[in-house]
Each structure stands twice: as C-alpha cells, then as structure tokens.
C-alpha cells in the first residue's frame, strides 16, 4: 500500500485530463458519503428537533420567502 505522500506525488505527476477525472471521482465519492451520512442521521432522528422548530417558526409567520 502506498503512503499518502507517495499518492500525493503520483497525483502531481498526472496529466491534466487524468487529474480532472480523479478530481471528479473524488468529489462524487465525497458527495455520496456525505449524502449517506445525512440520510443515516435523519433515520436516527437527529434532525427531528430542528424540523419541529422550523415548522413552528413557519406556522408563527417567522419565515420569509427566499
């Protein structure tokens, strides 16, 4: 297995097109992980209090159109 420093050096040597593909792949992977984390948090009810507060604020007329 390569060390992080070896991987960084290899990335620096990539042609621009390959670097862009790697960057897109990493961004997509990061976004998918973030989406999964948010979904898991929602499933566990971690946003329930926030959702309830937003509902109360909306019903009290405290919200404005974006």
PDB file of N, CA and C in Angstrom:
ATOM      1  N   UNK A   1       0.849  -1.176   0.000  1.00  0.00           N
ATOM      2  CA  UNK A   1       0.000   0.000   0.000  1.00  0.00           C
ATOM      3  C   UNK A   1       0.889   1.231   0.000  1.00  0.00           C
ATOM      4  N   UNK A   2       0.497   2.200  -0.774  1.00  0.00           N
ATOM      5  CA  UNK A   2       1.256   3.444  -0.861  1.00  0.00           C
ATOM      6  C   UNK A   2       0.941   4.344   0.326  1.00  0.00           C
ATOM      7  N   UNK A   3       1.914   5.137   0.682  1.00  0.00           N
ATOM      8  CA  UNK A   3       1.668   6.127   1.727  1.00  0.00           C
ATOM      9  C   UNK A   3       0.984   7.332   1.100  1.00  0.00           C
ATOM     10  N   UNK A   4       0.418   8.163   1.930  1.00  0.00           N
ATOM     11  CA  UNK A   4      -0.252   9.363   1.435  1.00  0.00           C
ATOM     12  C   UNK A   4       0.724  10.249   0.662  1.00  0.00           C
ATOM     13  N   UNK A   5       1.921  10.366   1.144  1.00  0.00           N
ATOM     14  CA  UNK A   5       2.920  11.190   0.451  1.00  0.00           C
ATOM     15  C   UNK A   5       3.210  10.626  -0.932  1.00  0.00           C
ATOM     16  N   UNK A   6       3.309   9.304  -1.056  1.00  0.00           N
ATOM     17  CA  UNK A   6       3.540   8.679  -2.368  1.00  0.00           C
ATOM     18  C   UNK A   6       2.352   8.930  -3.293  1.00  0.00           C
ATOM     19  N   UNK A   7       1.167   8.843  -2.750  1.00  0.00           N
ATOM     20  CA  UNK A   7      -0.031   9.092  -3.557  1.00  0.00           C
ATOM     21  C   UNK A   7      -0.065  10.543  -4.012  1.00  0.00           C
ATOM     22  N   UNK A   8       0.261  11.474  -3.113  1.00  0.00           N
ATOM     23  CA  UNK A   8       0.285  12.890  -3.477  1.00  0.00           C
ATOM     24  C   UNK A   8       1.283  13.148  -4.604  1.00  0.00           C
ATOM     25  N   UNK A   9       2.464  12.546  -4.513  1.00  0.00           N
ATOM     26  CA  UNK A   9       3.481  12.724  -5.556  1.00  0.00           C
ATOM     27  C   UNK A   9       2.999  12.143  -6.883  1.00  0.00           C
ATOM     28  N   UNK A  10       2.342  10.998  -6.834  1.00  0.00           N
ATOM     29  CA  UNK A  10       1.816  10.387  -8.062  1.00  0.00           C
ATOM     30  C   UNK A  10       0.737  11.276  -8.682  1.00  0.00           C
ATOM     31  N   UNK A  11      -0.110  11.866  -7.849  1.00  0.00           N
ATOM     32  CA  UNK A  11      -1.164  12.752  -8.351  1.00  0.00           C
ATOM     33  C   UNK A  11      -0.558  13.978  -9.015  1.00  0.00           C
ATOM     34  N   UNK A  12       0.499  14.510  -8.419  1.00  0.00           N
ATOM     35  CA  UNK A  12       1.154  15.687  -9.001  1.00  0.00           C
ATOM     36  C   UNK A  12       1.716  15.400 -10.388  1.00  0.00           C
ATOM     37  N   UNK A  13       2.023  14.164 -10.679  1.00  0.00           N
ATOM     38  CA  UNK A  13       2.600  13.786 -11.975  1.00  0.00           C
ATOM     39  C   UNK A  13       1.539  13.460 -13.027  1.00  0.00           C
ATOM     40  N   UNK A  14       0.271  13.421 -12.635  1.00  0.00           N
ATOM     41  CA  UNK A  14      -0.777  13.057 -13.587  1.00  0.00           C
ATOM     42  C   UNK A  14      -0.949  14.115 -14.676  1.00  0.00           C
ATOM     43  N   UNK A  15      -1.236  13.676 -15.892  1.00  0.00           N
ATOM     44  CA  UNK A  15      -1.612  14.642 -16.932  1.00  0.00           C
ATOM     45  C   UNK A  15      -2.915  15.344 -16.511  1.00  0.00           C
ATOM     46  N   UNK A  16      -3.131  16.545 -17.011  1.00  0.00           N
ATOM     47  CA  UNK A  16      -4.270  17.353 -16.596  1.00  0.00           C
ATOM     48  C   UNK A  16      -5.600  16.610 -16.752  1.00  0.00           C
ATOM     49  N   UNK A  17      -5.799  15.908 -17.850  1.00  0.00           N
ATOM     50  CA  UNK A  17      -7.051  15.188 -18.064  1.00  0.00           C
ATOM     51  C   UNK A  17      -7.279  14.112 -17.018  1.00  0.00           C
ATOM     52  N   UNK A  18      -6.245  13.369 -16.688  1.00  0.00           N
ATOM     53  CA  UNK A  18      -6.370  12.335 -15.663  1.00  0.00           C
ATOM     54  C   UNK A  18      -6.610  12.945 -14.285  1.00  0.00           C
ATOM     55  N   UNK A  19      -5.959  14.074 -14.038  1.00  0.00           N
ATOM     56  CA  UNK A  19      -6.172  14.750 -12.763  1.00  0.00           C
ATOM     57  C   UNK A  19      -7.630  15.196 -12.633  1.00  0.00           C
ATOM     58  N   UNK A  20      -8.191  15.744 -13.710  1.00  0.00           N
ATOM     59  CA  UNK A  20      -9.598  16.174 -13.670  1.00  0.00           C
ATOM     60  C   UNK A  20     -10.531  14.990 -13.426  1.00  0.00           C
ATOM     61  N   UNK A  21     -10.259  13.859 -14.073  1.00  0.00           N
ATOM     62  CA  UNK A  21     -11.081  12.665 -13.856  1.00  0.00           C
ATOM     63  C   UNK A  21     -10.987  12.205 -12.410  1.00  0.00           C
ATOM     64  N   UNK A  22      -9.771  12.197 -11.858  1.00  0.00           N
ATOM     65  CA  UNK A  22      -9.572  11.805 -10.461  1.00  0.00           C
ATOM     66  C   UNK A  22     -10.315  12.763  -9.527  1.00  0.00           C
ATOM     67  N   UNK A  23     -10.208  14.040  -9.824  1.00  0.00           N
ATOM     68  CA  UNK A  23     -10.875  15.040  -9.002  1.00  0.00           C
ATOM     69  C   UNK A  23     -12.383  14.840  -9.020  1.00  0.00           C
ATOM     70  N   UNK A  24     -12.959  14.628 -10.196  1.00  0.00           N
ATOM     71  CA  UNK A  24     -14.411  14.379 -10.293  1.00  0.00           C
ATOM     72  C   UNK A  24     -14.795  13.131  -9.505  1.00  0.00           C
ATOM     73  N   UNK A  25     -14.005  12.068  -9.644  1.00  0.00           N
ATOM     74  CA  UNK A  25     -14.292  10.822  -8.938  1.00  0.00           C
ATOM     75  C   UNK A  25     -14.256  11.038  -7.429  1.00  0.00           C
ATOM     76  N   UNK A  26     -13.245  11.755  -6.955  1.00  0.00           N
ATOM     77  CA  UNK A  26     -13.140  12.005  -5.514  1.00  0.00           C
ATOM     78  C   UNK A  26     -14.296  12.872  -5.027  1.00  0.00           C
ATOM     79  N   UNK A  27     -14.679  13.883  -5.785  1.00  0.00           N
ATOM     80  CA  UNK A  27     -15.789  14.747  -5.401  1.00  0.00           C
ATOM     81  C   UNK A  27     -17.088  13.948  -5.349  1.00  0.00           C
ATOM     82  N   UNK A  28     -17.324  13.102  -6.343  1.00  0.00           N
ATOM     83  CA  UNK A  28     -18.531  12.277  -6.354  1.00  0.00           C
ATOM     84  C   UNK A  28     -18.544  11.311  -5.174  1.00  0.00           C
ATOM     85  N   UNK A  29     -17.402  10.744  -4.869  1.00  0.00           N
ATOM     86  CA  UNK A  29     -17.300   9.816  -3.733  1.00  0.00           C
ATOM     87  C   UNK A  29     -17.566  10.547  -2.423  1.00  0.00           C
ATOM     88  N   UNK A  30     -17.014  11.740  -2.282  1.00  0.00           N
ATOM     89  CA  UNK A  30     -17.218  12.536  -1.078  1.00  0.00           C
ATOM     90  C   UNK A  30     -18.687  12.933  -0.939  1.00  0.00           C
ATOM     91  N   UNK A  31     -19.309  13.347  -2.043  1.00  0.00           N
ATOM     92  CA  UNK A  31     -20.717  13.728  -2.007  1.00  0.00           C
ATOM     93  C   UNK A  31     -21.600  12.545  -1.626  1.00  0.00           C
ATOM     94  N   UNK A  32     -21.295  11.368  -2.162  1.00  0.00           N
ATOM     95  CA  UNK A  32     -22.079  10.172  -1.839  1.00  0.00           C
ATOM     96  C   UNK A  32     -21.943   9.822  -0.356  1.00  0.00           C
ATOM     97  N   UNK A  33     -20.743   9.952   0.176  1.00  0.00           N
ATOM     98  CA  UNK A  33     -20.523   9.667   1.597  1.00  0.00           C
ATOM     99  C   UNK A  33     -21.283  10.669   2.458  1.00  0.00           C
ATOM    100  N   UNK A  34     -21.264  11.935   2.052  1.00  0.00           N
ATOM    101  CA  UNK A  34     -21.975  12.973   2.797  1.00  0.00           C
ATOM    102  C   UNK A  34     -23.475  12.706   2.764  1.00  0.00           C
ATOM    103  N   UNK A  35     -24.001  12.365   1.579  1.00  0.00           N
ATOM    104  CA  UNK A  35     -25.427  12.054   1.453  1.00  0.00           C
ATOM    105  C   UNK A  35     -25.811  10.878   2.346  1.00  0.00           C
ATOM    106  N   UNK A  36     -24.968   9.852   2.379  1.00  0.00           N
ATOM    107  CA  UNK A  36     -25.249   8.683   3.218  1.00  0.00           C
ATOM    108  C   UNK A  36     -25.233   9.055   4.698  1.00  0.00           C
ATOM    109  N   UNK A  37     -24.318   9.923   5.091  1.00  0.00           N
ATOM    110  CA  UNK A  37     -24.238  10.356   6.490  1.00  0.00           C
ATOM    111  C   UNK A  37     -25.481  11.161   6.882  1.00  0.00           C
ATOM    112  N   UNK A  38     -25.910  12.059   6.000  1.00  0.00           N
ATOM    113  CA  UNK A  38     -27.114  12.854   6.271  1.00  0.00           C
ATOM    114  C   UNK A  38     -28.331  11.944   6.363  1.00  0.00           C
ATOM    115  N   UNK A  39     -28.444  10.983   5.453  1.00  0.00           N
ATOM    116  CA  UNK A  39     -29.576  10.058   5.471  1.00  0.00           C
ATOM    117  C   UNK A  39     -29.590   9.239   6.759  1.00  0.00           C
ATOM    118  N   UNK A  40     -28.423   8.775   7.179  1.00  0.00           N
ATOM    119  CA  UNK A  40     -28.342   7.993   8.420  1.00  0.00           C
ATOM    120  C   UNK A  40     -28.709   8.851   9.627  1.00  0.00           C
ATOM    121  N   UNK A  41     -28.249  10.087   9.643  1.00  0.00           N
ATOM    122  CA  UNK A  41     -28.598  10.993  10.740  1.00  0.00           C
ATOM    123  C   UNK A  41     -30.105  11.250  10.771  1.00  0.00           C
ATOM    124  N   UNK A  42     -30.700  11.441   9.608  1.00  0.00           N
ATOM    125  CA  UNK A  42     -32.149  11.664   9.537  1.00  0.00           C
ATOM    126  C   UNK A  42     -32.890  10.421  10.016  1.00  0.00           C
ATOM    127  N   UNK A  43     -32.422   9.261   9.614  1.00  0.00           N
ATOM    128  CA  UNK A  43     -33.053   7.997  10.030  1.00  0.00           C
ATOM    129  C   UNK A  43     -33.016   7.839  11.550  1.00  0.00           C
ATOM    130  N   UNK A  44     -31.939   8.301  12.175  1.00  0.00           N
ATOM    131  CA  UNK A  44     -31.795   8.200  13.635  1.00  0.00           C
ATOM    132  C   UNK A  44     -32.532   9.320  14.371  1.00  0.00           C
ATOM    133  N   UNK A  45     -33.155  10.232  13.605  1.00  0.00           N
ATOM    134  CA  UNK A  45     -33.931  11.297  14.238  1.00  0.00           C
ATOM    135  C   UNK A  45     -33.116  12.489  14.683  1.00  0.00           C
ATOM    136  N   UNK A  46     -31.915  12.624  14.176  1.00  0.00           N
ATOM    137  CA  UNK A  46     -31.053  13.713  14.634  1.00  0.00           C
ATOM    138  C   UNK A  46     -31.537  15.093  14.189  1.00  0.00           C
ATOM    139  N   UNK A  47     -32.466  15.152  13.228  1.00  0.00           N
ATOM    140  CA  UNK A  47     -32.967  16.434  12.747  1.00  0.00           C
ATOM    141  C   UNK A  47     -34.392  16.706  13.222  1.00  0.00           C
ATOM    142  N   UNK A  48     -34.935  15.832  14.027  1.00  0.00           N
ATOM    143  CA  UNK A  48     -36.332  15.970  14.438  1.00  0.00           C
ATOM    144  C   UNK A  48     -36.602  17.283  15.162  1.00  0.00           C
ATOM    145  N   UNK A  49     -35.762  17.644  16.113  1.00  0.00           N
ATOM    146  CA  UNK A  49     -35.973  18.895  16.857  1.00  0.00           C
ATOM    147  C   UNK A  49     -35.870  20.104  15.936  1.00  0.00           C
ATOM    148  N   UNK A  50     -34.889  20.080  15.032  1.00  0.00           N
ATOM    149  CA  UNK A  50     -34.722  21.187  14.093  1.00  0.00           C
ATOM    150  C   UNK A  50     -35.940  21.287  13.169  1.00  0.00           C
ATOM    151  N   UNK A  51     -36.407  20.164  12.664  1.00  0.00           N
ATOM    152  CA  UNK A  51     -37.566  20.156  11.783  1.00  0.00           C
ATOM    153  C   UNK A  51     -38.799  20.710  12.512  1.00  0.00           C
ATOM    154  N   UNK A  52     -38.973  20.331  13.755  1.00  0.00           N
ATOM    155  CA  UNK A  52     -40.098  20.812  14.541  1.00  0.00           C
ATOM    156  C   UNK A  52     -39.997  22.316  14.780  1.00  0.00           C
ATOM    157  N   UNK A  53     -38.793  22.804  15.056  1.00  0.00           N
ATOM    158  CA  UNK A  53     -38.601  24.242  15.258  1.00  0.00           C
ATOM    159  C   UNK A  53     -38.905  25.014  13.977  1.00  0.00           C
ATOM    160  N   UNK A  54     -38.468  24.505  12.850  1.00  0.00           N
ATOM    161  CA  UNK A  54     -38.748  25.161  11.572  1.00  0.00           C
ATOM    162  C   UNK A  54     -40.254  25.187  11.322  1.00  0.00           C
ATOM    163  N   UNK A  55     -40.943  24.082  11.607  1.00  0.00           N
ATOM    164  CA  UNK A  55     -42.387  24.031  11.421  1.00  0.00           C
ATOM    165  C   UNK A  55     -43.078  25.083  12.298  1.00  0.00           C
ATOM    166  N   UNK A  56     -42.661  25.173  13.569  1.00  0.00           N
ATOM    167  CA  UNK A  56     -43.256  26.159  14.473  1.00  0.00           C
ATOM    168  C   UNK A  56     -43.004  27.593  13.988  1.00  0.00           C
ATOM    169  N   UNK A  57     -41.774  27.852  13.553  1.00  0.00           N
ATOM    170  CA  UNK A  57     -41.451  29.184  13.040  1.00  0.00           C
ATOM    171  C   UNK A  57     -42.283  29.519  11.809  1.00  0.00           C
ATOM    172  N   UNK A  58     -42.439  28.553  10.926  1.00  0.00           N
ATOM    173  CA  UNK A  58     -43.233  28.778   9.719  1.00  0.00           C
ATOM    174  C   UNK A  58     -44.680  29.083  10.085  1.00  0.00           C
ATOM    175  N   UNK A  59     -45.241  28.282  10.959  1.00  0.00           N
ATOM    176  CA  UNK A  59     -46.635  28.482  11.366  1.00  0.00           C
ATOM    177  C   UNK A  59     -46.832  29.792  12.120  1.00  0.00           C
ATOM    178  N   UNK A  60     -45.789  30.272  12.770  1.00  0.00           N
ATOM    179  CA  UNK A  60     -45.877  31.545  13.500  1.00  0.00           C
ATOM    180  C   UNK A  60     -45.611  32.744  12.594  1.00  0.00           C
ATOM    181  N   UNK A  61     -45.368  32.477  11.304  1.00  0.00           N
ATOM    182  CA  UNK A  61     -45.136  33.569  10.360  1.00  0.00           C
ATOM    183  C   UNK A  61     -43.749  34.177  10.467  1.00  0.00           C
ATOM    184  N   UNK A  62     -42.811  33.459  11.015  1.00  0.00           N
ATOM    185  CA  UNK A  62     -41.454  33.985  11.186  1.00  0.00           C
ATOM    186  C   UNK A  62     -40.566  33.761   9.965  1.00  0.00           C
ATOM    187  N   UNK A  63     -41.088  33.108   8.931  1.00  0.00           N
ATOM    188  CA  UNK A  63     -40.280  32.793   7.752  1.00  0.00           C
ATOM    189  C   UNK A  63     -40.593  33.781   6.631  1.00  0.00           C
ATOM    190  N   UNK A  64     -39.589  34.066   5.825  1.00  0.00           N
ATOM    191  CA  UNK A  64     -39.781  34.938   4.676  1.00  0.00           C
ATOM    192  C   UNK A  64     -39.393  34.174   3.414  1.00  0.00           C
ATOM    193  N   UNK A  65     -40.021  34.520   2.272  1.00  0.00           N
ATOM    194  CA  UNK A  65     -39.666  33.843   1.013  1.00  0.00           C
ATOM    195  C   UNK A  65     -38.191  34.062   0.676  1.00  0.00           C
ATOM    196  N   UNK A  66     -37.620  33.095   0.035  1.00  0.00           N
ATOM    197  CA  UNK A  66     -36.210  33.223  -0.378  1.00  0.00           C
ATOM    198  C   UNK A  66     -36.082  34.069  -1.617  1.00  0.00           C
TER     199      UNK A  66
END
